N, C-alpha and C. Protein backbone atom coordinates (compact mmCIF):
# COMPACT_ATOMS: atom_id res chain seq x y z
N MET A 1 -171.69 111.34 265.77
CA MET A 1 -173.13 109.76 265.41
C MET A 1 -173.14 110.60 263.63
N ALA A 2 -172.95 111.92 263.40
CA ALA A 2 -173.15 111.52 262.01
C ALA A 2 -171.92 111.22 261.20
N LEU A 3 -170.65 111.66 261.62
CA LEU A 3 -169.73 110.79 261.18
C LEU A 3 -169.73 109.20 260.83
N PHE A 4 -170.24 108.79 262.39
CA PHE A 4 -170.56 107.41 262.13
C PHE A 4 -171.46 107.07 260.96
N ASP A 5 -172.97 107.86 260.60
CA ASP A 5 -173.50 107.58 259.55
C ASP A 5 -173.23 107.72 258.57
N LYS A 6 -172.22 108.39 258.08
CA LYS A 6 -171.44 109.00 256.72
C LYS A 6 -170.39 107.50 256.63
N MET A 7 -169.76 107.09 257.43
CA MET A 7 -168.96 105.36 257.34
C MET A 7 -170.06 104.53 256.94
N ILE A 8 -171.19 104.48 257.70
CA ILE A 8 -172.29 103.10 257.33
C ILE A 8 -172.67 103.27 255.79
N ASP A 9 -172.85 104.82 255.74
CA ASP A 9 -173.38 105.39 254.38
C ASP A 9 -172.58 104.67 253.13
N LYS A 10 -171.47 105.18 253.59
CA LYS A 10 -170.02 104.66 252.10
C LYS A 10 -170.39 103.08 252.28
N ARG A 11 -170.12 102.61 253.48
CA ARG A 11 -170.00 101.10 253.35
C ARG A 11 -171.38 100.53 252.70
N ILE A 12 -172.43 100.66 252.60
CA ILE A 12 -173.38 100.68 251.92
C ILE A 12 -173.68 100.79 250.60
N ALA A 13 -173.01 101.71 250.18
CA ALA A 13 -172.87 102.37 248.88
C ALA A 13 -171.36 101.14 248.42
N ALA A 14 -170.83 101.05 248.96
CA ALA A 14 -169.49 100.61 248.11
C ALA A 14 -170.07 98.91 248.11
N TYR A 15 -170.74 98.47 249.17
CA TYR A 15 -171.20 96.94 249.32
C TYR A 15 -172.28 96.91 248.00
N GLN A 16 -173.13 97.86 247.67
CA GLN A 16 -174.15 98.02 246.53
C GLN A 16 -173.02 97.64 245.39
N ARG A 17 -172.76 98.72 245.22
CA ARG A 17 -171.81 98.61 243.78
C ARG A 17 -171.29 97.22 243.53
N GLU A 18 -170.68 96.83 244.70
CA GLU A 18 -169.81 95.41 244.86
C GLU A 18 -170.64 94.40 244.40
N LEU A 19 -172.15 94.39 244.68
CA LEU A 19 -172.98 93.62 244.82
C LEU A 19 -173.20 93.50 243.08
N ILE A 20 -173.65 94.81 242.47
CA ILE A 20 -174.24 94.79 241.37
C ILE A 20 -173.34 94.03 240.20
N GLU A 21 -172.12 94.84 240.26
CA GLU A 21 -170.82 94.66 239.91
C GLU A 21 -170.45 92.86 239.73
N ILE A 22 -170.81 92.03 240.36
CA ILE A 22 -171.09 90.62 240.82
C ILE A 22 -171.97 90.09 239.92
N HIS A 23 -173.30 90.89 239.96
CA HIS A 23 -174.44 90.07 239.23
C HIS A 23 -174.26 90.29 237.71
N TYR A 24 -173.57 91.62 237.22
CA TYR A 24 -173.53 91.70 235.98
C TYR A 24 -172.62 90.92 234.98
N ALA A 25 -171.56 90.62 236.02
CA ALA A 25 -170.20 89.75 235.55
C ALA A 25 -170.78 88.55 235.06
N GLU A 26 -171.94 87.99 236.45
CA GLU A 26 -172.52 86.52 236.08
C GLU A 26 -173.64 86.77 234.94
N VAL A 27 -174.25 87.64 234.69
CA VAL A 27 -175.21 87.52 233.69
C VAL A 27 -174.41 87.82 232.29
N GLU A 28 -173.53 88.57 232.49
CA GLU A 28 -172.42 88.53 231.33
C GLU A 28 -171.87 86.96 231.05
N ASN A 29 -171.64 86.43 232.01
CA ASN A 29 -171.02 85.05 231.70
C ASN A 29 -171.72 84.29 231.21
N MET A 30 -172.91 84.34 231.77
CA MET A 30 -174.43 83.43 231.23
C MET A 30 -174.24 83.45 229.69
N TYR A 31 -174.88 85.04 229.31
CA TYR A 31 -174.99 85.20 227.70
C TYR A 31 -173.46 85.14 226.83
N ARG A 32 -172.37 85.33 227.49
CA ARG A 32 -171.25 84.60 226.64
C ARG A 32 -171.16 83.23 226.50
N GLN A 33 -171.52 82.61 227.11
CA GLN A 33 -171.78 81.28 226.75
C GLN A 33 -173.13 80.97 225.87
N MET A 34 -173.74 81.43 226.03
CA MET A 34 -175.23 81.44 224.96
C MET A 34 -174.62 81.85 223.40
N ARG A 35 -173.67 83.20 223.81
CA ARG A 35 -173.39 83.46 222.47
C ARG A 35 -172.09 82.19 221.89
N GLY A 36 -171.50 81.74 222.45
CA GLY A 36 -170.28 80.78 222.09
C GLY A 36 -170.99 79.74 221.39
N TRP A 37 -172.21 79.14 221.95
CA TRP A 37 -172.95 77.97 221.55
C TRP A 37 -173.29 78.38 220.16
N ARG A 38 -173.94 79.57 220.13
CA ARG A 38 -174.50 79.76 218.74
C ARG A 38 -173.38 79.94 217.64
N HIS A 39 -172.56 80.52 218.26
CA HIS A 39 -171.37 80.71 217.11
C HIS A 39 -171.01 79.34 216.75
N ASP A 40 -170.81 78.19 217.59
CA ASP A 40 -170.38 76.74 217.14
C ASP A 40 -171.56 75.96 216.31
N TYR A 41 -172.89 76.56 216.23
CA TYR A 41 -173.90 75.90 215.79
C TYR A 41 -173.82 75.08 214.53
N ARG A 42 -173.27 75.98 213.77
CA ARG A 42 -172.87 75.90 212.14
C ARG A 42 -171.97 74.31 212.12
N SER A 43 -170.82 74.34 212.96
CA SER A 43 -170.13 73.20 213.23
C SER A 43 -170.69 72.02 213.88
N HIS A 44 -171.64 72.34 214.69
CA HIS A 44 -172.19 71.19 215.28
C HIS A 44 -173.23 70.18 214.12
N ILE A 45 -174.14 71.14 213.05
CA ILE A 45 -174.62 70.71 211.87
C ILE A 45 -173.81 70.17 211.35
N GLN A 46 -172.82 70.50 210.82
CA GLN A 46 -171.69 69.60 209.93
C GLN A 46 -171.55 68.53 210.44
N ALA A 47 -171.03 68.26 211.45
CA ALA A 47 -170.47 67.20 212.19
C ALA A 47 -171.95 65.84 212.20
N MET A 48 -172.97 66.73 212.59
CA MET A 48 -174.21 65.64 212.20
C MET A 48 -174.23 65.05 211.22
N LYS A 49 -174.28 66.06 210.12
CA LYS A 49 -174.39 65.73 208.55
C LYS A 49 -173.68 64.61 208.17
N ALA A 50 -172.22 64.92 208.45
CA ALA A 50 -170.94 63.96 208.17
C ALA A 50 -171.35 62.48 208.53
N HIS A 51 -172.20 62.31 210.12
CA HIS A 51 -172.38 60.90 210.71
C HIS A 51 -173.41 60.41 209.73
N ALA A 52 -174.29 61.70 209.47
CA ALA A 52 -175.70 60.98 208.71
C ALA A 52 -174.88 60.28 207.44
N ALA A 53 -174.29 60.85 206.48
CA ALA A 53 -174.13 60.62 205.34
C ALA A 53 -173.28 59.48 205.10
N GLU A 54 -172.72 58.89 206.84
CA GLU A 54 -172.10 57.71 206.75
C GLU A 54 -172.91 56.55 207.28
N GLY A 55 -174.26 56.98 207.29
CA GLY A 55 -175.29 56.12 207.84
C GLY A 55 -175.00 55.71 209.16
N ASP A 56 -174.00 56.70 209.99
CA ASP A 56 -173.78 56.34 211.61
C ASP A 56 -174.94 56.92 212.39
N TRP A 57 -176.26 56.38 212.29
CA TRP A 57 -177.11 57.15 213.12
C TRP A 57 -176.97 56.88 214.85
N ASN A 58 -175.96 55.57 215.10
CA ASN A 58 -176.03 56.00 216.71
C ASN A 58 -175.33 57.26 216.93
N ALA A 59 -174.18 57.50 216.01
CA ALA A 59 -173.28 58.47 216.29
C ALA A 59 -174.11 60.06 216.45
N VAL A 60 -175.06 60.17 215.28
CA VAL A 60 -176.08 61.50 215.58
C VAL A 60 -176.79 61.29 216.74
N VAL A 61 -177.19 60.16 217.32
CA VAL A 61 -177.91 60.50 218.31
C VAL A 61 -177.06 60.83 219.79
N ALA A 62 -175.94 60.11 219.69
CA ALA A 62 -175.10 60.38 220.71
C ALA A 62 -174.96 62.00 221.03
N TYR A 63 -174.51 62.59 219.27
CA TYR A 63 -174.30 63.99 219.28
C TYR A 63 -175.26 64.90 219.65
N LEU A 64 -176.29 64.34 219.46
CA LEU A 64 -177.73 64.80 219.70
C LEU A 64 -177.73 65.20 221.37
N ASP A 65 -177.28 64.23 221.94
CA ASP A 65 -177.79 64.06 223.38
C ASP A 65 -176.52 64.67 224.17
N MET A 66 -175.44 64.86 223.71
CA MET A 66 -174.53 65.82 223.86
C MET A 66 -174.47 67.41 224.10
N LEU A 67 -175.56 67.42 222.45
CA LEU A 67 -175.80 68.82 222.69
C LEU A 67 -176.69 69.33 223.58
N GLU A 68 -177.49 68.65 223.61
CA GLU A 68 -179.18 68.84 224.97
C GLU A 68 -178.60 69.07 226.05
N THR A 69 -177.59 68.15 226.66
CA THR A 69 -176.73 68.30 227.94
C THR A 69 -176.17 69.97 227.82
N ASP A 70 -175.20 70.40 226.72
CA ASP A 70 -174.76 71.39 226.97
C ASP A 70 -175.35 72.37 226.99
N LEU A 71 -176.64 72.52 226.23
CA LEU A 71 -177.58 73.55 226.04
C LEU A 71 -178.39 73.68 227.15
N THR A 72 -178.55 72.57 227.93
CA THR A 72 -179.29 72.63 229.41
C THR A 72 -178.86 73.70 230.11
N THR A 73 -177.09 73.39 230.12
CA THR A 73 -176.79 74.53 231.36
C THR A 73 -176.63 75.71 230.90
N MET A 74 -177.16 76.40 229.79
CA MET A 74 -176.91 77.43 229.35
C MET A 74 -178.31 77.98 229.20
N GLU A 75 -179.45 77.47 229.02
CA GLU A 75 -180.56 78.04 228.62
C GLU A 75 -181.28 78.77 229.77
N THR A 76 -181.89 79.72 229.34
CA THR A 76 -182.96 80.64 230.77
C THR A 76 -183.76 79.50 230.92
N VAL A 77 -183.78 79.13 232.39
CA VAL A 77 -184.48 77.83 233.34
C VAL A 77 -185.45 78.89 233.96
N VAL A 78 -185.48 80.17 234.02
CA VAL A 78 -186.43 80.66 234.82
C VAL A 78 -187.14 82.00 234.37
N LYS A 79 -188.28 82.19 234.14
CA LYS A 79 -188.80 83.55 233.56
C LYS A 79 -190.12 83.80 234.16
N THR A 80 -189.90 84.53 235.25
CA THR A 80 -190.48 84.86 236.37
C THR A 80 -191.76 86.05 235.79
N GLY A 81 -191.52 86.82 234.47
CA GLY A 81 -192.20 87.91 234.32
C GLY A 81 -191.36 89.09 234.58
N ASN A 82 -190.42 89.13 235.29
CA ASN A 82 -189.56 90.10 235.75
C ASN A 82 -187.91 90.37 235.10
N ALA A 83 -187.96 91.28 234.70
CA ALA A 83 -186.46 91.17 233.78
C ALA A 83 -185.57 91.13 235.08
N MET A 84 -185.64 92.02 236.10
CA MET A 84 -184.51 91.82 236.88
C MET A 84 -184.06 90.24 237.87
N ALA A 85 -185.10 89.90 237.98
CA ALA A 85 -185.53 88.85 239.06
C ALA A 85 -184.99 87.86 238.03
N ASP A 86 -185.06 87.61 236.58
CA ASP A 86 -185.14 86.72 236.08
C ASP A 86 -183.27 86.59 235.57
N ALA A 87 -183.02 87.83 235.45
CA ALA A 87 -181.43 88.07 235.55
C ALA A 87 -180.62 87.57 236.53
N ILE A 88 -181.11 87.97 238.03
CA ILE A 88 -180.69 87.69 239.02
C ILE A 88 -180.58 85.89 238.93
N LEU A 89 -182.05 85.82 239.02
CA LEU A 89 -182.17 84.09 239.24
C LEU A 89 -181.44 83.26 238.25
N ASN A 90 -181.57 83.33 237.31
CA ASN A 90 -181.06 82.82 236.09
C ASN A 90 -179.14 82.92 236.10
N SER A 91 -178.69 83.79 236.61
CA SER A 91 -177.20 83.72 237.05
C SER A 91 -176.91 82.82 237.86
N LYS A 92 -177.38 83.16 238.77
CA LYS A 92 -177.37 82.47 240.04
C LYS A 92 -177.32 81.10 240.16
N ILE A 93 -178.52 80.29 239.30
CA ILE A 93 -178.83 78.87 238.89
C ILE A 93 -177.48 78.56 238.20
N SER A 94 -176.95 79.38 237.21
CA SER A 94 -176.01 78.90 236.21
C SER A 94 -174.92 78.87 237.06
N LEU A 95 -174.42 79.89 238.10
CA LEU A 95 -173.57 79.64 239.19
C LEU A 95 -173.36 78.21 240.08
N ALA A 96 -174.84 78.11 240.39
CA ALA A 96 -174.93 76.70 241.51
C ALA A 96 -174.91 75.81 240.59
N ARG A 97 -174.99 75.63 239.31
CA ARG A 97 -175.25 74.54 238.19
C ARG A 97 -173.57 74.16 238.05
N SER A 98 -172.42 75.25 238.03
CA SER A 98 -171.30 75.15 237.91
C SER A 98 -170.62 74.36 239.12
N LYS A 99 -170.85 74.69 239.94
CA LYS A 99 -170.74 74.08 241.66
C LYS A 99 -171.00 72.98 241.65
N ARG A 100 -172.00 72.32 240.92
CA ARG A 100 -172.79 71.09 241.06
C ARG A 100 -173.81 70.62 242.19
N ILE A 101 -174.33 72.29 241.99
CA ILE A 101 -175.65 72.25 243.16
C ILE A 101 -176.97 72.08 242.42
N ALA A 102 -177.61 71.47 242.54
CA ALA A 102 -179.21 71.30 241.93
C ALA A 102 -179.85 72.28 242.56
N VAL A 103 -180.55 72.68 241.82
CA VAL A 103 -181.45 73.95 241.82
C VAL A 103 -182.84 73.71 241.67
N GLN A 104 -183.89 73.55 242.26
CA GLN A 104 -185.22 73.61 241.76
C GLN A 104 -185.98 75.15 242.31
N ALA A 105 -186.28 75.78 241.26
CA ALA A 105 -187.18 77.13 241.21
C ALA A 105 -188.16 76.80 240.68
N ASP A 106 -189.26 77.37 241.32
CA ASP A 106 -190.64 77.81 240.89
C ASP A 106 -190.99 79.66 240.95
N ALA A 107 -190.82 80.27 240.18
CA ALA A 107 -190.76 81.39 240.16
C ALA A 107 -191.96 82.07 239.17
N SER A 108 -192.73 82.95 239.76
CA SER A 108 -193.70 83.85 238.71
C SER A 108 -193.65 85.13 239.73
N ILE A 109 -193.69 86.52 238.85
CA ILE A 109 -193.94 87.56 239.52
C ILE A 109 -194.81 88.15 238.14
N PRO A 110 -196.07 88.31 238.31
CA PRO A 110 -196.87 88.60 237.13
C PRO A 110 -197.63 89.90 237.12
N VAL A 111 -197.08 90.78 237.97
CA VAL A 111 -197.17 92.09 238.19
C VAL A 111 -196.26 92.92 238.33
N THR A 112 -196.22 94.15 238.38
CA THR A 112 -195.30 95.16 238.36
C THR A 112 -194.86 95.49 239.55
N LEU A 113 -193.61 95.37 240.12
CA LEU A 113 -193.41 95.42 241.56
C LEU A 113 -193.20 96.70 242.04
N GLN A 114 -193.25 97.14 243.49
CA GLN A 114 -193.18 98.62 243.82
C GLN A 114 -191.23 98.43 244.49
N ILE A 115 -191.37 97.32 244.73
CA ILE A 115 -189.52 97.24 244.99
C ILE A 115 -188.88 97.63 244.08
N SER A 116 -187.40 98.25 244.41
CA SER A 116 -186.98 99.01 243.63
C SER A 116 -185.75 97.61 242.79
N GLU A 117 -185.49 97.90 241.89
CA GLU A 117 -184.50 96.76 241.10
C GLU A 117 -183.16 96.91 242.11
N LEU A 118 -182.96 97.44 242.84
CA LEU A 118 -181.61 97.48 243.64
C LEU A 118 -182.04 96.76 244.68
N ASP A 119 -182.93 96.92 245.36
CA ASP A 119 -183.79 96.32 246.74
C ASP A 119 -183.73 94.69 246.33
N LEU A 120 -184.11 94.40 245.26
CA LEU A 120 -184.86 93.33 244.64
C LEU A 120 -183.25 92.54 244.22
N CYS A 121 -182.50 93.25 243.99
CA CYS A 121 -181.00 92.55 243.62
C CYS A 121 -180.05 92.08 244.66
N VAL A 122 -180.45 93.13 245.88
CA VAL A 122 -179.74 92.81 247.11
C VAL A 122 -180.55 91.91 247.86
N ILE A 123 -181.67 91.48 247.90
CA ILE A 123 -182.50 90.57 248.60
C ILE A 123 -182.19 88.95 248.01
N LEU A 124 -181.95 88.75 246.32
CA LEU A 124 -182.57 87.55 245.94
C LEU A 124 -180.68 87.35 245.58
N GLY A 125 -179.73 88.15 245.77
CA GLY A 125 -178.55 88.16 245.40
C GLY A 125 -177.81 87.62 246.58
N ASN A 126 -178.49 87.81 247.45
CA ASN A 126 -177.38 87.52 248.93
C ASN A 126 -178.12 86.43 249.59
N LEU A 127 -179.52 85.69 249.29
CA LEU A 127 -180.23 85.24 249.58
C LEU A 127 -179.68 83.22 248.76
N PHE A 128 -179.47 83.62 247.52
CA PHE A 128 -178.89 82.44 246.75
C PHE A 128 -177.20 82.58 247.22
N ASP A 129 -176.50 83.46 247.08
CA ASP A 129 -175.15 83.65 247.67
C ASP A 129 -175.13 82.81 249.01
N ASN A 130 -175.54 82.76 249.70
CA ASN A 130 -175.80 82.05 251.23
C ASN A 130 -176.21 80.77 251.09
N ALA A 131 -177.16 80.59 250.43
CA ALA A 131 -177.67 79.32 249.98
C ALA A 131 -176.78 77.97 249.46
N ILE A 132 -175.87 79.05 248.25
CA ILE A 132 -174.61 78.16 247.85
C ILE A 132 -173.47 77.92 248.25
N GLU A 133 -173.18 79.22 249.73
CA GLU A 133 -171.85 79.04 250.51
C GLU A 133 -172.31 77.35 251.07
N ALA A 134 -173.68 77.43 251.89
CA ALA A 134 -173.99 76.25 252.70
C ALA A 134 -173.85 74.90 251.83
N SER A 135 -174.31 74.99 250.60
CA SER A 135 -174.63 74.05 249.64
C SER A 135 -172.98 73.21 249.74
N LEU A 136 -172.03 74.27 249.29
CA LEU A 136 -170.82 73.65 249.33
C LEU A 136 -170.20 72.87 250.32
N ALA A 137 -170.79 72.90 251.26
CA ALA A 137 -170.35 72.29 252.61
C ALA A 137 -170.20 70.38 252.63
N LEU A 138 -171.53 70.38 251.78
CA LEU A 138 -172.29 69.10 251.54
C LEU A 138 -171.61 68.01 250.30
N PRO A 139 -171.53 66.82 250.17
CA PRO A 139 -171.14 65.87 249.23
C PRO A 139 -172.00 66.26 247.83
N GLU A 140 -171.88 66.28 247.04
CA GLU A 140 -172.29 66.54 245.87
C GLU A 140 -173.87 66.08 246.02
N GLU A 141 -173.89 65.00 245.82
CA GLU A 141 -175.27 64.28 245.63
C GLU A 141 -176.33 64.92 246.72
N SER A 142 -175.90 65.31 248.02
CA SER A 142 -176.36 65.85 249.03
C SER A 142 -177.09 67.73 248.66
N ARG A 143 -176.74 68.21 247.54
CA ARG A 143 -176.53 69.63 247.65
C ARG A 143 -177.88 69.98 246.84
N LEU A 144 -178.80 70.73 247.42
CA LEU A 144 -179.92 71.01 246.61
C LEU A 144 -180.44 72.24 247.57
N ILE A 145 -181.00 73.48 246.54
CA ILE A 145 -181.53 74.96 246.94
C ILE A 145 -182.89 74.82 246.26
N ARG A 146 -183.62 75.10 246.64
CA ARG A 146 -185.10 75.64 246.65
C ARG A 146 -185.62 76.80 246.81
N VAL A 147 -185.85 76.89 245.25
CA VAL A 147 -186.24 78.44 245.22
C VAL A 147 -188.08 79.13 245.15
N TYR A 148 -188.72 80.03 246.11
CA TYR A 148 -190.02 79.60 245.55
C TYR A 148 -190.51 81.27 245.63
N ILE A 149 -190.91 81.95 244.42
CA ILE A 149 -191.49 82.79 244.22
C ILE A 149 -192.90 83.39 243.64
N ASP A 150 -193.74 84.06 244.49
CA ASP A 150 -195.28 84.30 243.71
C ASP A 150 -195.68 85.17 244.83
N MET A 151 -196.73 85.94 244.24
CA MET A 151 -198.00 86.82 245.00
C MET A 151 -198.56 85.94 245.84
N LYS A 152 -198.92 86.45 246.95
CA LYS A 152 -199.67 85.84 247.52
C LYS A 152 -200.74 87.15 248.21
N GLY A 153 -201.92 87.37 247.23
CA GLY A 153 -202.54 88.47 247.41
C GLY A 153 -201.91 89.62 246.75
N THR A 154 -201.59 90.72 247.58
CA THR A 154 -201.00 91.92 247.15
C THR A 154 -199.61 92.02 248.15
N GLN A 155 -199.05 90.94 248.40
CA GLN A 155 -197.61 90.63 248.96
C GLN A 155 -196.66 89.59 247.96
N LEU A 156 -195.53 90.09 247.88
CA LEU A 156 -194.50 89.22 247.26
C LEU A 156 -193.91 88.48 248.39
N TYR A 157 -193.93 87.01 247.63
CA TYR A 157 -193.48 86.00 248.82
C TYR A 157 -192.46 85.49 248.00
N ILE A 158 -191.23 85.13 248.78
CA ILE A 158 -190.05 84.82 248.67
C ILE A 158 -189.69 83.99 249.53
N SER A 159 -189.09 82.40 248.84
CA SER A 159 -188.76 81.64 249.92
C SER A 159 -187.76 80.62 249.40
N PHE A 160 -186.54 80.57 250.40
CA PHE A 160 -185.13 79.94 249.70
C PHE A 160 -184.94 78.85 251.10
N THR A 161 -184.51 77.57 250.43
CA THR A 161 -184.62 76.57 251.61
C THR A 161 -183.24 75.84 250.91
N ASN A 162 -182.22 75.35 251.74
CA ASN A 162 -181.37 74.83 251.00
C ASN A 162 -180.90 73.82 251.91
N PHE A 163 -180.08 72.90 251.83
CA PHE A 163 -179.90 71.59 252.91
C PHE A 163 -178.24 71.99 253.57
N THR A 164 -178.19 71.69 254.76
CA THR A 164 -177.07 72.34 255.47
C THR A 164 -176.65 71.18 255.84
N ALA A 165 -175.09 71.17 256.31
CA ALA A 165 -174.14 70.04 257.37
C ALA A 165 -174.33 70.45 258.62
N GLY A 166 -174.40 69.46 259.37
CA GLY A 166 -174.82 69.47 260.98
C GLY A 166 -175.71 69.53 261.24
N GLY A 167 -175.93 70.15 262.67
CA GLY A 167 -177.51 70.57 263.06
C GLY A 167 -177.73 72.14 262.76
N LYS A 168 -178.54 72.32 263.52
CA LYS A 168 -178.91 73.81 263.85
C LYS A 168 -177.69 74.71 263.82
N GLN A 169 -178.14 75.84 263.13
CA GLN A 169 -177.02 76.74 262.90
C GLN A 169 -177.18 77.67 264.31
N GLU A 170 -176.13 78.37 264.67
CA GLU A 170 -176.31 79.18 265.69
C GLU A 170 -176.73 80.62 265.77
N LYS A 171 -177.52 80.89 266.33
CA LYS A 171 -178.16 82.51 266.20
C LYS A 171 -177.53 83.74 267.16
N TRP A 172 -177.03 84.54 266.55
CA TRP A 172 -176.88 86.13 267.17
C TRP A 172 -178.05 86.92 267.11
N GLY A 173 -178.83 87.05 268.14
CA GLY A 173 -179.78 87.97 268.07
C GLY A 173 -180.57 87.53 267.06
N THR A 174 -181.17 88.51 265.96
CA THR A 174 -182.17 87.65 265.13
C THR A 174 -181.50 87.50 263.71
N LEU A 175 -179.94 87.20 263.81
CA LEU A 175 -179.55 86.61 262.73
C LEU A 175 -178.91 85.36 263.40
N PHE A 176 -178.25 84.60 262.02
CA PHE A 176 -177.96 83.48 262.38
C PHE A 176 -176.09 83.83 262.09
N ARG A 177 -175.46 82.79 262.40
CA ARG A 177 -173.90 83.42 262.14
C ARG A 177 -173.37 83.00 261.09
N SER A 178 -172.74 83.54 260.33
CA SER A 178 -172.30 83.36 259.18
C SER A 178 -170.63 82.36 259.20
N ALA A 179 -170.67 81.86 258.17
CA ALA A 179 -169.72 80.93 258.35
C ALA A 179 -168.25 81.38 257.71
N LYS A 180 -168.58 82.81 256.90
CA LYS A 180 -167.69 83.41 256.32
C LYS A 180 -166.50 84.11 256.79
N GLY A 181 -167.06 84.46 258.44
CA GLY A 181 -166.00 85.26 259.08
C GLY A 181 -166.50 86.23 259.27
N GLU A 182 -165.73 87.35 260.00
CA GLU A 182 -166.04 88.62 260.62
C GLU A 182 -166.22 89.71 259.31
N GLY A 183 -167.19 90.37 259.28
CA GLY A 183 -167.87 91.01 258.26
C GLY A 183 -168.70 90.52 257.17
N HIS A 184 -168.76 89.45 256.97
CA HIS A 184 -169.52 88.85 256.02
C HIS A 184 -171.00 88.71 256.48
N GLY A 185 -171.83 88.75 257.32
CA GLY A 185 -172.54 89.01 257.41
C GLY A 185 -173.74 90.08 257.29
N PHE A 186 -172.65 91.09 256.78
CA PHE A 186 -173.45 92.46 256.11
C PHE A 186 -174.34 92.22 255.14
N GLY A 187 -174.51 91.17 254.34
CA GLY A 187 -175.63 91.21 253.49
C GLY A 187 -176.67 90.57 253.69
N LEU A 188 -177.08 89.54 255.36
CA LEU A 188 -177.87 89.55 256.17
C LEU A 188 -178.71 90.88 256.52
N VAL A 189 -177.60 91.64 257.23
CA VAL A 189 -178.32 93.00 257.71
C VAL A 189 -178.69 94.04 256.68
N ARG A 190 -178.15 94.04 255.65
CA ARG A 190 -178.60 94.43 254.06
C ARG A 190 -180.06 93.94 253.90
N ILE A 191 -180.35 93.02 253.85
CA ILE A 191 -182.08 92.55 254.04
C ILE A 191 -182.40 92.69 254.88
N ASP A 192 -182.22 92.56 256.15
CA ASP A 192 -183.20 92.62 257.16
C ASP A 192 -183.65 94.52 257.16
N ALA A 193 -182.73 95.29 256.63
CA ALA A 193 -182.83 96.46 256.96
C ALA A 193 -184.03 97.05 255.60
N ILE A 194 -183.32 96.62 254.60
CA ILE A 194 -184.64 96.49 253.50
C ILE A 194 -185.91 96.26 253.81
N ILE A 195 -186.23 95.08 254.62
CA ILE A 195 -187.32 94.33 254.12
C ILE A 195 -188.14 95.09 255.59
N ASP A 196 -187.41 95.53 256.71
CA ASP A 196 -187.61 96.63 257.87
C ASP A 196 -188.20 97.99 256.95
N ARG A 197 -187.59 98.90 256.07
CA ARG A 197 -187.63 99.95 255.60
C ARG A 197 -189.27 99.55 254.22
N LEU A 198 -189.19 98.61 254.00
CA LEU A 198 -190.63 98.38 252.90
C LEU A 198 -191.68 97.68 253.99
N GLY A 199 -191.33 97.31 255.27
CA GLY A 199 -192.80 97.14 255.65
C GLY A 199 -192.94 95.92 255.84
N GLY A 200 -191.92 95.02 255.29
CA GLY A 200 -192.45 93.64 255.05
C GLY A 200 -191.89 92.82 256.39
N PHE A 201 -192.00 91.18 256.28
CA PHE A 201 -191.93 90.57 257.10
C PHE A 201 -190.90 88.88 256.97
N LEU A 202 -190.13 89.05 257.50
CA LEU A 202 -189.13 88.12 257.42
C LEU A 202 -189.23 86.67 258.36
N THR A 203 -188.60 85.73 257.97
CA THR A 203 -188.55 84.51 258.92
C THR A 203 -187.17 83.74 258.31
N ARG A 204 -186.44 83.33 259.63
CA ARG A 204 -185.44 82.55 259.30
C ARG A 204 -185.32 81.14 260.03
N ALA A 205 -185.52 79.82 259.61
CA ALA A 205 -185.70 78.85 260.14
C ALA A 205 -184.67 77.58 259.99
N SER A 206 -183.69 77.58 260.86
CA SER A 206 -182.97 76.16 260.85
C SER A 206 -183.19 75.07 261.79
N GLU A 207 -183.32 74.21 260.49
CA GLU A 207 -183.57 72.76 261.47
C GLU A 207 -182.62 71.59 261.32
N GLU A 208 -182.71 70.74 261.58
CA GLU A 208 -181.63 69.90 261.22
C GLU A 208 -181.72 69.30 260.02
N GLY A 209 -180.47 69.55 259.21
CA GLY A 209 -180.51 69.58 257.70
C GLY A 209 -180.95 70.70 256.62
N ALA A 210 -181.69 71.63 257.16
CA ALA A 210 -182.21 72.39 256.65
C ALA A 210 -181.98 73.78 256.87
N PHE A 211 -182.17 75.20 256.21
CA PHE A 211 -182.15 76.24 256.26
C PHE A 211 -182.94 77.01 255.43
N THR A 212 -184.41 77.89 256.09
CA THR A 212 -185.51 78.36 254.94
C THR A 212 -185.22 79.83 255.46
N THR A 213 -185.53 80.69 254.44
CA THR A 213 -185.59 81.75 254.81
C THR A 213 -186.87 82.56 254.17
N GLU A 214 -187.85 82.93 254.62
CA GLU A 214 -189.56 83.37 254.05
C GLU A 214 -189.54 84.62 253.83
N ILE A 215 -190.07 85.29 253.29
CA ILE A 215 -190.16 87.05 253.37
C ILE A 215 -191.67 87.41 252.43
N LEU A 216 -192.46 88.30 253.36
CA LEU A 216 -193.47 88.76 252.70
C LEU A 216 -193.32 90.33 252.54
N LEU A 217 -193.20 90.69 251.22
CA LEU A 217 -193.28 92.44 251.14
C LEU A 217 -194.63 92.50 250.30
N PRO A 218 -194.91 93.82 250.90
CA PRO A 218 -196.35 94.55 250.20
C PRO A 218 -196.12 94.90 249.53
N GLN A 219 -197.11 95.39 248.30
CA GLN A 219 -196.81 95.86 247.22
C GLN A 219 -198.17 96.59 247.16
N GLY A 220 -198.81 96.83 247.85
CA GLY A 220 -199.85 98.16 247.64
C GLY A 220 -200.82 97.21 246.89
N LYS A 221 -201.57 98.38 246.46
CA LYS A 221 -202.90 97.45 245.12
C LYS A 221 -202.63 97.22 244.02
N ILE A 222 -202.55 95.97 243.65
CA ILE A 222 -202.21 95.27 242.34
C ILE A 222 -203.64 95.20 241.10
């Protein structure tokens, strides 16, 4: 039994390292894009000044529209008040948009959380990854992920909803079957383990065309 526990601990440790490395790479990519935009800023100004000098105001407006669209894909779109949540959510939103998945996010964490950054990373990262995976099975115009995070009294409330293809998902015990294949449901198991350890509450609902996960995590006295 002790050997089995050690094997599980090693697998969990490896999974956590992999998850953190993925999120770190995603955040780095987002800030690399932002640094690249700043680097090109002077060139953009020169281009617009050239159009203005020729009196071609339509070209100036068109150039500004192009820059606005480009900047929108790189700006920080969520500011929750929690640095780790911001990093994870914004990197995942950037990833989703690169895959042509629309995201509606309303997230606010106005208090210092008692949950560790590692646990928060595992929960939010896996929920977003699962929603992105499910969305890719849909045509682009039907892809949508809704994220809502806020405090409900002394509890942190997290809700993820994404549209899905087909009917209700098949459920095995307390978990829904992963489309990724054997071994890829480990992220869901990790989420459940964290919620259980922290004395939280979790529900998953699979309806026709939508899948929702809701989580409540007690934070003690705020």
